[in-house]
């Protein structure tokens, strides 16, 4: 599976709530990153391994697009993984 992007860390302008949540994970959280809705929309979800995304492309991305309106770079998801 081709990744959408390499891990970028938390966004430089991340809100305090997300920063504190990330910090609370300490070493159990890793590979912090974020993706813009524009990147999610442009990604090829038809790759065989993308089947593990479950209903994300069909159900979540349209909701993110609706939040973003005309500017798909105005909304992002911020995430990390559990160790």
Protein backbone atom coordinates (compact mmCIF):
# COMPACT_ATOMS: atom_id res chain seq x y z
CA UNK A 1 0.00 0.00 0.00
CA UNK A 2 1.36 3.38 -0.97
CA UNK A 3 1.14 5.74 2.03
CA UNK A 4 -0.64 9.05 1.70
CA UNK A 5 2.33 10.78 3.36
CA UNK A 6 5.20 10.00 5.70
CA UNK A 7 4.59 10.88 9.37
CA UNK A 8 4.92 14.64 9.86
CA UNK A 9 4.57 15.00 13.58
CA UNK A 10 1.86 17.14 15.10
CA UNK A 11 0.97 20.27 13.13
CA UNK A 12 2.90 23.34 14.29
CA UNK A 13 -0.39 25.09 15.12
CA UNK A 14 -2.03 22.16 16.92
CA UNK A 15 -4.51 23.24 19.60
CA UNK A 16 -3.66 22.89 23.28
CA UNK A 17 -6.22 20.11 23.80
CA UNK A 18 -4.64 17.86 21.17
CA UNK A 19 -1.11 18.70 22.34
CA UNK A 20 -2.02 17.70 25.91
CA UNK A 21 -3.72 14.50 24.74
CA UNK A 22 -0.65 13.59 22.70
CA UNK A 23 1.63 14.34 25.65
CA UNK A 24 -0.47 12.11 27.92
CA UNK A 25 0.34 9.13 25.69
CA UNK A 26 4.05 9.61 26.43
CA UNK A 27 6.02 6.78 24.77
CA UNK A 28 2.87 4.77 24.01
CA UNK A 29 1.96 7.13 21.17
CA UNK A 30 4.11 7.24 18.06
CA UNK A 31 4.13 8.25 14.37
CA UNK A 32 2.16 11.44 15.01
CA UNK A 33 0.92 13.01 11.84
CA UNK A 34 -1.88 14.84 10.09
CA UNK A 35 -3.53 14.79 6.69
CA UNK A 36 -5.47 17.46 4.87
CA UNK A 37 -8.82 16.63 3.35
CA UNK A 38 -7.32 17.52 -0.04
CA UNK A 39 -4.77 14.71 0.43
CA UNK A 40 -7.44 12.21 1.45
CA UNK A 41 -9.56 13.09 -1.57
CA UNK A 42 -6.60 12.79 -3.98
CA UNK A 43 -5.46 9.41 -2.61
CA UNK A 44 -6.05 6.22 -4.63
CA UNK A 45 -8.38 4.24 -2.36
CA UNK A 46 -8.69 1.49 -5.00
CA UNK A 47 -5.37 -0.12 -4.05
CA UNK A 48 -5.81 -3.70 -2.80
CA UNK A 49 -4.41 -2.97 0.66
CA UNK A 50 -6.76 0.02 1.07
CA UNK A 51 -9.54 -2.48 1.81
CA UNK A 52 -8.36 -2.24 5.44
CA UNK A 53 -9.67 1.33 5.50
CA UNK A 54 -13.15 -0.18 5.95
CA UNK A 55 -15.78 2.51 5.41
CA UNK A 56 -13.43 5.50 5.81
CA UNK A 57 -13.41 6.51 2.10
CA UNK A 58 -17.18 6.17 1.70
CA UNK A 59 -18.40 7.54 5.03
CA UNK A 60 -15.76 9.72 6.68
CA UNK A 61 -14.16 11.54 3.74
CA UNK A 62 -17.50 12.94 2.47
CA UNK A 63 -18.19 14.38 5.94
CA UNK A 64 -14.73 15.95 6.05
CA UNK A 65 -15.31 17.40 2.57
CA UNK A 66 -18.59 18.92 3.75
CA UNK A 67 -16.80 20.55 6.70
CA UNK A 68 -14.12 21.94 4.38
CA UNK A 69 -16.55 23.41 1.86
CA UNK A 70 -14.68 25.00 -1.03
CA UNK A 71 -11.27 24.85 0.69
CA UNK A 72 -10.14 21.23 1.08
CA UNK A 73 -6.94 22.44 2.75
CA UNK A 74 -8.87 24.04 5.62
CA UNK A 75 -9.70 20.77 7.41
CA UNK A 76 -7.28 18.11 8.59
CA UNK A 77 -7.23 14.97 10.69
CA UNK A 78 -4.57 14.67 13.39
CA UNK A 79 -3.62 11.19 14.60
CA UNK A 80 -1.01 8.89 16.08
CA UNK A 81 -0.70 5.20 16.81
CA UNK A 82 -0.77 3.22 20.03
CA UNK A 83 2.41 1.34 20.91
